[in-house]
Amino acid sequence: MSPESIERAPCRSSAVQKFHPGLEGEIADEGYESFDQSAPESFSDERNNAVRRKLYLHLLPLMCGLYGLNYVDKVAIVWAVPFS
């Protein structure tokens, strides 16, 4: 199959037309168009703050605990080296 025989589907996506004006009328894959149509417009500040708070309450303690375990592991490796 030669590249000349491949038909290009028309592009109805506003994102492709906005950011890639040279690609008007062309589309690389149909999934991109579906993603563009299904993306939410925006979230409220209340929802953004709720998600941020949830991340802080769950991930920050986990990250601090793992950092502490990493420190203990590094100290244990130093003590495991035989003294000469």
N, C-alpha and C. Protein backbone atom coordinates (compact mmCIF):
# COMPACT_ATOMS: atom_id res chain seq x y z
N MET A 1 0.85 -1.17 0.00
CA MET A 1 0.00 0.00 0.00
C MET A 1 0.89 1.24 0.00
N SER A 2 0.68 2.09 -0.93
CA SER A 2 1.51 3.28 -1.03
C SER A 2 0.91 4.41 -0.19
N PRO A 3 1.75 5.33 0.28
CA PRO A 3 1.25 6.44 1.08
C PRO A 3 0.25 7.32 0.34
N GLU A 4 0.32 7.35 -0.98
CA GLU A 4 -0.61 8.18 -1.75
C GLU A 4 -2.02 7.62 -1.73
N SER A 5 -2.16 6.29 -1.51
CA SER A 5 -3.48 5.67 -1.55
C SER A 5 -4.23 5.77 -0.22
N ILE A 6 -3.57 6.25 0.82
CA ILE A 6 -4.21 6.36 2.12
C ILE A 6 -5.02 7.65 2.16
N GLU A 7 -6.31 7.51 2.48
CA GLU A 7 -7.17 8.69 2.57
C GLU A 7 -7.08 9.29 3.96
N ARG A 8 -7.14 10.58 4.03
CA ARG A 8 -7.07 11.26 5.31
C ARG A 8 -8.47 11.64 5.74
N ALA A 9 -8.76 11.37 7.01
CA ALA A 9 -10.07 11.72 7.56
C ALA A 9 -10.10 13.21 7.86
N PRO A 10 -11.22 13.87 7.64
CA PRO A 10 -11.29 15.30 7.96
C PRO A 10 -11.20 15.53 9.46
N CYS A 11 -10.56 16.59 9.84
CA CYS A 11 -10.36 16.92 11.25
C CYS A 11 -11.46 17.87 11.71
N ARG A 12 -12.19 17.46 12.75
CA ARG A 12 -13.20 18.33 13.33
C ARG A 12 -12.77 18.82 14.70
N SER A 13 -11.56 18.47 15.11
CA SER A 13 -11.07 18.83 16.43
C SER A 13 -10.57 20.28 16.45
N SER A 14 -11.08 21.05 17.39
CA SER A 14 -10.66 22.45 17.50
C SER A 14 -9.24 22.56 18.02
N ALA A 15 -8.80 21.58 18.83
CA ALA A 15 -7.44 21.63 19.39
C ALA A 15 -6.40 21.48 18.29
N VAL A 16 -6.63 20.59 17.35
CA VAL A 16 -5.68 20.40 16.27
C VAL A 16 -5.63 21.65 15.41
N GLN A 17 -6.77 22.24 15.13
CA GLN A 17 -6.81 23.43 14.31
C GLN A 17 -6.18 24.62 15.03
N LYS A 18 -6.31 24.67 16.34
CA LYS A 18 -5.78 25.80 17.10
C LYS A 18 -4.26 25.72 17.23
N PHE A 19 -3.72 24.54 17.59
CA PHE A 19 -2.30 24.41 17.88
C PHE A 19 -1.47 23.97 16.67
N HIS A 20 -2.09 23.37 15.68
CA HIS A 20 -1.38 22.90 14.50
C HIS A 20 -2.13 23.36 13.25
N PRO A 21 -2.06 24.64 12.93
CA PRO A 21 -2.84 25.13 11.80
C PRO A 21 -2.46 24.49 10.47
N GLY A 22 -1.27 23.97 10.34
CA GLY A 22 -0.87 23.33 9.09
C GLY A 22 -1.50 21.97 8.89
N LEU A 23 -2.12 21.41 9.93
CA LEU A 23 -2.72 20.09 9.84
C LEU A 23 -4.24 20.14 9.69
N GLU A 24 -4.78 21.26 9.30
CA GLU A 24 -6.24 21.36 9.13
C GLU A 24 -6.69 20.36 8.08
N GLY A 25 -7.76 19.65 8.39
CA GLY A 25 -8.28 18.65 7.47
C GLY A 25 -7.63 17.30 7.61
N GLU A 26 -6.63 17.18 8.47
CA GLU A 26 -5.93 15.91 8.68
C GLU A 26 -6.06 15.51 10.14
N ILE A 27 -6.04 14.21 10.39
CA ILE A 27 -6.06 13.73 11.76
C ILE A 27 -5.25 12.44 11.82
N ALA A 28 -4.46 12.31 12.87
CA ALA A 28 -3.57 11.15 12.99
C ALA A 28 -4.31 9.93 13.54
N ASP A 29 -5.19 10.15 14.48
CA ASP A 29 -5.93 9.01 15.01
C ASP A 29 -7.27 9.47 15.58
N GLU A 30 -8.24 8.58 15.51
CA GLU A 30 -9.60 8.92 15.93
C GLU A 30 -9.71 9.08 17.44
N GLY A 31 -8.85 8.44 18.20
CA GLY A 31 -8.90 8.54 19.66
C GLY A 31 -8.65 9.95 20.15
N TYR A 32 -7.83 10.69 19.44
CA TYR A 32 -7.53 12.07 19.83
C TYR A 32 -8.79 12.92 19.79
N GLU A 33 -9.59 12.72 18.76
CA GLU A 33 -10.83 13.49 18.64
C GLU A 33 -11.80 13.12 19.76
N SER A 34 -11.90 11.84 20.11
CA SER A 34 -12.77 11.42 21.20
C SER A 34 -12.30 12.02 22.52
N PHE A 35 -11.00 12.03 22.74
CA PHE A 35 -10.45 12.61 23.97
C PHE A 35 -10.75 14.10 24.05
N ASP A 36 -10.62 14.78 22.93
CA ASP A 36 -10.87 16.22 22.90
C ASP A 36 -12.32 16.53 23.24
N GLN A 37 -13.24 15.70 22.80
CA GLN A 37 -14.66 15.94 23.06
C GLN A 37 -15.05 15.57 24.48
N SER A 38 -14.37 14.60 25.11
CA SER A 38 -14.76 14.13 26.43
C SER A 38 -14.06 14.85 27.57
N ALA A 39 -13.10 15.69 27.28
CA ALA A 39 -12.36 16.38 28.33
C ALA A 39 -13.27 17.38 29.05
N PRO A 40 -13.20 17.42 30.38
CA PRO A 40 -14.03 18.39 31.11
C PRO A 40 -13.53 19.81 30.86
N GLU A 41 -14.44 20.73 30.94
CA GLU A 41 -14.09 22.13 30.69
C GLU A 41 -13.17 22.67 31.79
N SER A 42 -13.63 22.63 33.03
CA SER A 42 -12.81 23.10 34.14
C SER A 42 -13.42 22.62 35.45
N PHE A 43 -12.64 22.72 36.51
CA PHE A 43 -13.10 22.35 37.83
C PHE A 43 -13.21 23.59 38.69
N SER A 44 -14.07 23.51 39.68
CA SER A 44 -14.24 24.65 40.58
C SER A 44 -13.07 24.71 41.55
N ASP A 45 -12.88 25.88 42.14
CA ASP A 45 -11.82 26.04 43.14
C ASP A 45 -12.06 25.14 44.34
N GLU A 46 -13.32 24.92 44.68
CA GLU A 46 -13.65 24.06 45.81
C GLU A 46 -13.19 22.63 45.56
N ARG A 47 -13.42 22.15 44.35
CA ARG A 47 -13.00 20.78 44.02
C ARG A 47 -11.47 20.69 43.95
N ASN A 48 -10.83 21.70 43.38
CA ASN A 48 -9.36 21.72 43.34
C ASN A 48 -8.78 21.66 44.74
N ASN A 49 -9.34 22.44 45.66
CA ASN A 49 -8.84 22.45 47.04
C ASN A 49 -9.09 21.12 47.73
N ALA A 50 -10.22 20.46 47.45
CA ALA A 50 -10.51 19.16 48.05
C ALA A 50 -9.50 18.11 47.58
N VAL A 51 -9.18 18.12 46.30
CA VAL A 51 -8.21 17.15 45.77
C VAL A 51 -6.82 17.43 46.34
N ARG A 52 -6.45 18.71 46.42
CA ARG A 52 -5.14 19.07 46.98
C ARG A 52 -5.03 18.63 48.43
N ARG A 53 -6.09 18.84 49.20
CA ARG A 53 -6.09 18.45 50.62
C ARG A 53 -5.97 16.92 50.76
N LYS A 54 -6.68 16.20 49.91
CA LYS A 54 -6.61 14.74 49.97
C LYS A 54 -5.20 14.25 49.64
N LEU A 55 -4.56 14.88 48.66
CA LEU A 55 -3.18 14.51 48.34
C LEU A 55 -2.25 14.79 49.50
N TYR A 56 -2.42 15.96 50.13
CA TYR A 56 -1.56 16.32 51.25
C TYR A 56 -1.76 15.35 52.41
N LEU A 57 -2.99 14.96 52.69
CA LEU A 57 -3.26 14.10 53.84
C LEU A 57 -2.84 12.65 53.61
N HIS A 58 -2.80 12.20 52.37
CA HIS A 58 -2.47 10.80 52.11
C HIS A 58 -1.04 10.60 51.59
N LEU A 59 -0.62 11.42 50.66
CA LEU A 59 0.69 11.20 50.04
C LEU A 59 1.85 11.78 50.84
N LEU A 60 1.66 12.91 51.45
CA LEU A 60 2.76 13.54 52.18
C LEU A 60 3.26 12.68 53.34
N PRO A 61 2.38 12.14 54.20
CA PRO A 61 2.89 11.25 55.26
C PRO A 61 3.58 10.00 54.70
N LEU A 62 3.05 9.45 53.62
CA LEU A 62 3.67 8.28 53.00
C LEU A 62 5.07 8.62 52.49
N MET A 63 5.20 9.75 51.83
CA MET A 63 6.50 10.16 51.31
C MET A 63 7.50 10.42 52.44
N CYS A 64 7.05 11.03 53.53
CA CYS A 64 7.95 11.27 54.67
C CYS A 64 8.39 9.95 55.30
N GLY A 65 7.46 9.02 55.44
CA GLY A 65 7.81 7.71 55.99
C GLY A 65 8.80 6.96 55.12
N LEU A 66 8.60 6.99 53.83
CA LEU A 66 9.52 6.31 52.92
C LEU A 66 10.89 6.98 52.92
N TYR A 67 10.92 8.30 53.04
CA TYR A 67 12.20 8.99 53.12
C TYR A 67 12.94 8.57 54.39
N GLY A 68 12.21 8.43 55.50
CA GLY A 68 12.82 7.97 56.76
C GLY A 68 13.38 6.56 56.63
N LEU A 69 12.61 5.67 55.98
CA LEU A 69 13.10 4.30 55.77
C LEU A 69 14.34 4.30 54.87
N ASN A 70 14.37 5.16 53.88
CA ASN A 70 15.53 5.28 53.01
C ASN A 70 16.75 5.69 53.82
N TYR A 71 16.59 6.64 54.72
CA TYR A 71 17.70 7.10 55.56
C TYR A 71 18.20 5.96 56.45
N VAL A 72 17.28 5.23 57.07
CA VAL A 72 17.67 4.10 57.93
C VAL A 72 18.40 3.05 57.12
N ASP A 73 17.94 2.79 55.90
CA ASP A 73 18.59 1.80 55.04
C ASP A 73 20.02 2.24 54.71
N LYS A 74 20.22 3.51 54.40
CA LYS A 74 21.57 3.99 54.07
C LYS A 74 22.50 3.90 55.28
N VAL A 75 21.98 4.19 56.45
CA VAL A 75 22.80 4.09 57.67
C VAL A 75 23.13 2.62 57.94
N ALA A 76 22.18 1.73 57.73
CA ALA A 76 22.43 0.30 57.96
C ALA A 76 23.49 -0.23 57.00
N ILE A 77 23.51 0.24 55.77
CA ILE A 77 24.52 -0.20 54.81
C ILE A 77 25.91 0.24 55.26
N VAL A 78 26.02 1.46 55.80
CA VAL A 78 27.30 1.95 56.28
C VAL A 78 27.79 1.11 57.45
N TRP A 79 26.90 0.73 58.36
CA TRP A 79 27.29 -0.08 59.52
C TRP A 79 27.58 -1.52 59.14
N ALA A 80 27.06 -1.99 58.00
CA ALA A 80 27.28 -3.36 57.60
C ALA A 80 28.67 -3.57 56.98
N VAL A 81 29.33 -2.50 56.57
CA VAL A 81 30.66 -2.61 55.99
C VAL A 81 31.65 -2.98 57.11
N PRO A 82 32.41 -4.03 56.91
CA PRO A 82 33.36 -4.43 57.97
C PRO A 82 34.45 -3.37 58.14
N PHE A 83 34.80 -3.15 59.38
CA PHE A 83 35.85 -2.18 59.68
C PHE A 83 37.19 -2.83 59.43
N SER A 84 38.12 -2.06 58.88
CA SER A 84 39.46 -2.66 58.65
C SER A 84 40.52 -1.88 59.38
